[in-house]
Amino acid sequence: MSPRPSLASRLAVAAGAPTLPHIPATEAARAEPLAPPLPVPTTAKARQGKTMIAGYFSPDLARAIKILAVERGVTVQALIGEGLDTVLRQHQRHPFGER
């Protein structure tokens, strides 16, 4: 008794495509992949060796920071770094000056 045809082979027949031979599940698991594996994403050089610090703030504050960044011609990240340096100085800690 032969196994039932797979849905893929039935659809291929309905579409007029040539039929593929049926491969039992145990052999299919050992078969070579059809496409090469996707590349592993890499970290941008600017982010290597750094850690993200994040927080949730009101939309109004986020908008104000973005506008200030555009007006000053800097990034939001630079403004956040400046703010964190200010907090560190207020607490007698060494600022890092990361922008």
C-alpha atoms as a PDB file:
ATOM      1  CA  MET A   1       0.000   0.000   0.000  1.00  0.00           C
ATOM      2  CA  SER A   2       1.490   3.322  -1.038  1.00  0.00           C
ATOM      3  CA  PRO A   3       1.309   6.394   1.192  1.00  0.00           C
ATOM      4  CA  ARG A   4      -1.127   9.174   0.424  1.00  0.00           C
ATOM      5  CA  PRO A   5       0.274  11.971  -1.758  1.00  0.00           C
ATOM      6  CA  SER A   6       1.236  15.131   0.079  1.00  0.00           C
ATOM      7  CA  LEU A   7      -0.760  18.327  -0.228  1.00  0.00           C
ATOM      8  CA  ALA A   8       2.191  19.921  -2.042  1.00  0.00           C
ATOM      9  CA  SER A   9       2.182  17.205  -4.710  1.00  0.00           C
ATOM     10  CA  ARG A  10      -1.604  17.445  -5.101  1.00  0.00           C
ATOM     11  CA  LEU A  11      -1.366  21.225  -5.562  1.00  0.00           C
ATOM     12  CA  ALA A  12       1.453  20.795  -8.057  1.00  0.00           C
ATOM     13  CA  VAL A  13      -0.672  18.368 -10.098  1.00  0.00           C
ATOM     14  CA  ALA A  14      -3.636  20.777  -9.966  1.00  0.00           C
ATOM     15  CA  ALA A  15      -1.393  23.615 -11.157  1.00  0.00           C
ATOM     16  CA  GLY A  16      -0.007  21.505 -13.987  1.00  0.00           C
ATOM     17  CA  ALA A  17       3.505  21.426 -12.536  1.00  0.00           C
ATOM     18  CA  PRO A  18       5.566  18.259 -12.797  1.00  0.00           C
ATOM     19  CA  THR A  19       5.096  15.978  -9.803  1.00  0.00           C
ATOM     20  CA  LEU A  20       7.903  15.468  -7.352  1.00  0.00           C
ATOM     21  CA  PRO A  21       8.696  12.041  -5.962  1.00  0.00           C
ATOM     22  CA  HIS A  22       7.284  11.346  -2.521  1.00  0.00           C
ATOM     23  CA  ILE A  23       9.983  11.408   0.158  1.00  0.00           C
ATOM     24  CA  PRO A  24       9.123   9.724   3.476  1.00  0.00           C
ATOM     25  CA  ALA A  25       9.325  12.016   6.498  1.00  0.00           C
ATOM     26  CA  THR A  26      12.432  10.308   7.878  1.00  0.00           C
ATOM     27  CA  GLU A  27      14.310  10.864   4.625  1.00  0.00           C
ATOM     28  CA  ALA A  28      12.983  14.419   4.241  1.00  0.00           C
ATOM     29  CA  ALA A  29      14.520  15.349   7.584  1.00  0.00           C
ATOM     30  CA  ARG A  30      17.918  14.200   6.325  1.00  0.00           C
ATOM     31  CA  ALA A  31      17.586  15.867   2.923  1.00  0.00           C
ATOM     32  CA  GLU A  32      19.677  18.917   2.063  1.00  0.00           C
ATOM     33  CA  PRO A  33      17.921  22.270   2.617  1.00  0.00           C
ATOM     34  CA  LEU A  34      16.497  23.880  -0.509  1.00  0.00           C
ATOM     35  CA  ALA A  35      17.984  27.292   0.207  1.00  0.00           C
ATOM     36  CA  PRO A  36      21.152  28.366   1.994  1.00  0.00           C
ATOM     37  CA  PRO A  37      20.635  29.499   5.589  1.00  0.00           C
ATOM     38  CA  LEU A  38      19.970  33.184   6.134  1.00  0.00           C
ATOM     39  CA  PRO A  39      22.976  35.254   7.247  1.00  0.00           C
ATOM     40  CA  VAL A  40      23.243  36.026  10.945  1.00  0.00           C
ATOM     41  CA  PRO A  41      22.640  39.730  11.601  1.00  0.00           C
ATOM     42  CA  THR A  42      25.730  41.555  12.792  1.00  0.00           C
ATOM     43  CA  THR A  43      25.953  44.473  15.169  1.00  0.00           C
ATOM     44  CA  ALA A  44      26.827  47.842  13.666  1.00  0.00           C
ATOM     45  CA  LYS A  45      30.362  48.962  14.494  1.00  0.00           C
ATOM     46  CA  ALA A  46      29.008  52.005  16.332  1.00  0.00           C
ATOM     47  CA  ARG A  47      27.099  49.685  18.710  1.00  0.00           C
ATOM     48  CA  GLN A  48      29.824  47.125  19.358  1.00  0.00           C
ATOM     49  CA  GLY A  49      30.859  47.016  22.986  1.00  0.00           C
ATOM     50  CA  LYS A  50      27.957  49.231  24.082  1.00  0.00           C
ATOM     51  CA  THR A  51      24.745  48.572  25.993  1.00  0.00           C
ATOM     52  CA  MET A  52      21.359  50.150  25.357  1.00  0.00           C
ATOM     53  CA  ILE A  53      19.746  52.170  28.141  1.00  0.00           C
ATOM     54  CA  ALA A  54      16.069  52.801  27.480  1.00  0.00           C
ATOM     55  CA  GLY A  55      12.991  54.230  29.148  1.00  0.00           C
ATOM     56  CA  TYR A  56       9.350  55.032  28.455  1.00  0.00           C
ATOM     57  CA  PHE A  57       8.323  58.673  28.407  1.00  0.00           C
ATOM     58  CA  SER A  58       5.285  60.687  27.367  1.00  0.00           C
ATOM     59  CA  PRO A  59       4.762  61.425  23.669  1.00  0.00           C
ATOM     60  CA  ASP A  60       5.091  65.152  24.443  1.00  0.00           C
ATOM     61  CA  LEU A  61       8.545  64.703  25.982  1.00  0.00           C
ATOM     62  CA  ALA A  62       9.652  62.471  23.095  1.00  0.00           C
ATOM     63  CA  ARG A  63       8.467  65.080  20.580  1.00  0.00           C
ATOM     64  CA  ALA A  64      10.227  67.904  22.465  1.00  0.00           C
ATOM     65  CA  ILE A  65      13.521  65.956  22.535  1.00  0.00           C
ATOM     66  CA  LYS A  66      13.288  65.154  18.813  1.00  0.00           C
ATOM     67  CA  ILE A  67      12.581  68.801  17.968  1.00  0.00           C
ATOM     68  CA  LEU A  68      15.495  69.976  20.130  1.00  0.00           C
ATOM     69  CA  ALA A  69      17.791  67.453  18.444  1.00  0.00           C
ATOM     70  CA  VAL A  70      16.820  68.755  14.998  1.00  0.00           C
ATOM     71  CA  GLU A  71      17.193  72.381  16.081  1.00  0.00           C
ATOM     72  CA  ARG A  72      20.678  71.707  17.474  1.00  0.00           C
ATOM     73  CA  GLY A  73      21.679  69.455  14.587  1.00  0.00           C
ATOM     74  CA  VAL A  74      22.498  66.486  16.816  1.00  0.00           C
ATOM     75  CA  THR A  75      21.004  63.047  17.412  1.00  0.00           C
ATOM     76  CA  VAL A  76      18.537  62.140  20.138  1.00  0.00           C
ATOM     77  CA  GLN A  77      21.230  59.785  21.430  1.00  0.00           C
ATOM     78  CA  ALA A  78      23.619  62.729  21.810  1.00  0.00           C
ATOM     79  CA  LEU A  79      21.021  64.637  23.830  1.00  0.00           C
ATOM     80  CA  ILE A  80      20.426  61.618  26.054  1.00  0.00           C
ATOM     81  CA  GLY A  81      24.189  61.261  26.592  1.00  0.00           C
ATOM     82  CA  GLU A  82      24.419  64.945  27.487  1.00  0.00           C
ATOM     83  CA  GLY A  83      21.576  64.564  29.963  1.00  0.00           C
ATOM     84  CA  LEU A  84      23.119  61.502  31.583  1.00  0.00           C
ATOM     85  CA  ASP A  85      26.454  63.299  31.902  1.00  0.00           C
ATOM     86  CA  THR A  86      24.651  66.172  33.658  1.00  0.00           C
ATOM     87  CA  VAL A  87      23.045  63.739  36.118  1.00  0.00           C
ATOM     88  CA  LEU A  88      26.408  62.091  36.786  1.00  0.00           C
ATOM     89  CA  ARG A  89      28.029  65.493  37.477  1.00  0.00           C
ATOM     90  CA  GLN A  90      25.186  66.448  39.849  1.00  0.00           C
ATOM     91  CA  HIS A  91      25.926  63.306  41.851  1.00  0.00           C
ATOM     92  CA  GLN A  92      29.703  63.863  41.875  1.00  0.00           C
ATOM     93  CA  ARG A  93      30.360  61.089  39.377  1.00  0.00           C
ATOM     94  CA  HIS A  94      32.707  61.167  36.411  1.00  0.00           C
ATOM     95  CA  PRO A  95      30.842  61.974  33.146  1.00  0.00           C
ATOM     96  CA  PHE A  96      31.608  59.743  30.171  1.00  0.00           C
ATOM     97  CA  GLY A  97      31.004  62.257  27.396  1.00  0.00           C
ATOM     98  CA  GLU A  98      29.447  59.679  25.076  1.00  0.00           C
ATOM     99  CA  ARG A  99      27.570  61.213  22.178  1.00  0.00           C
END
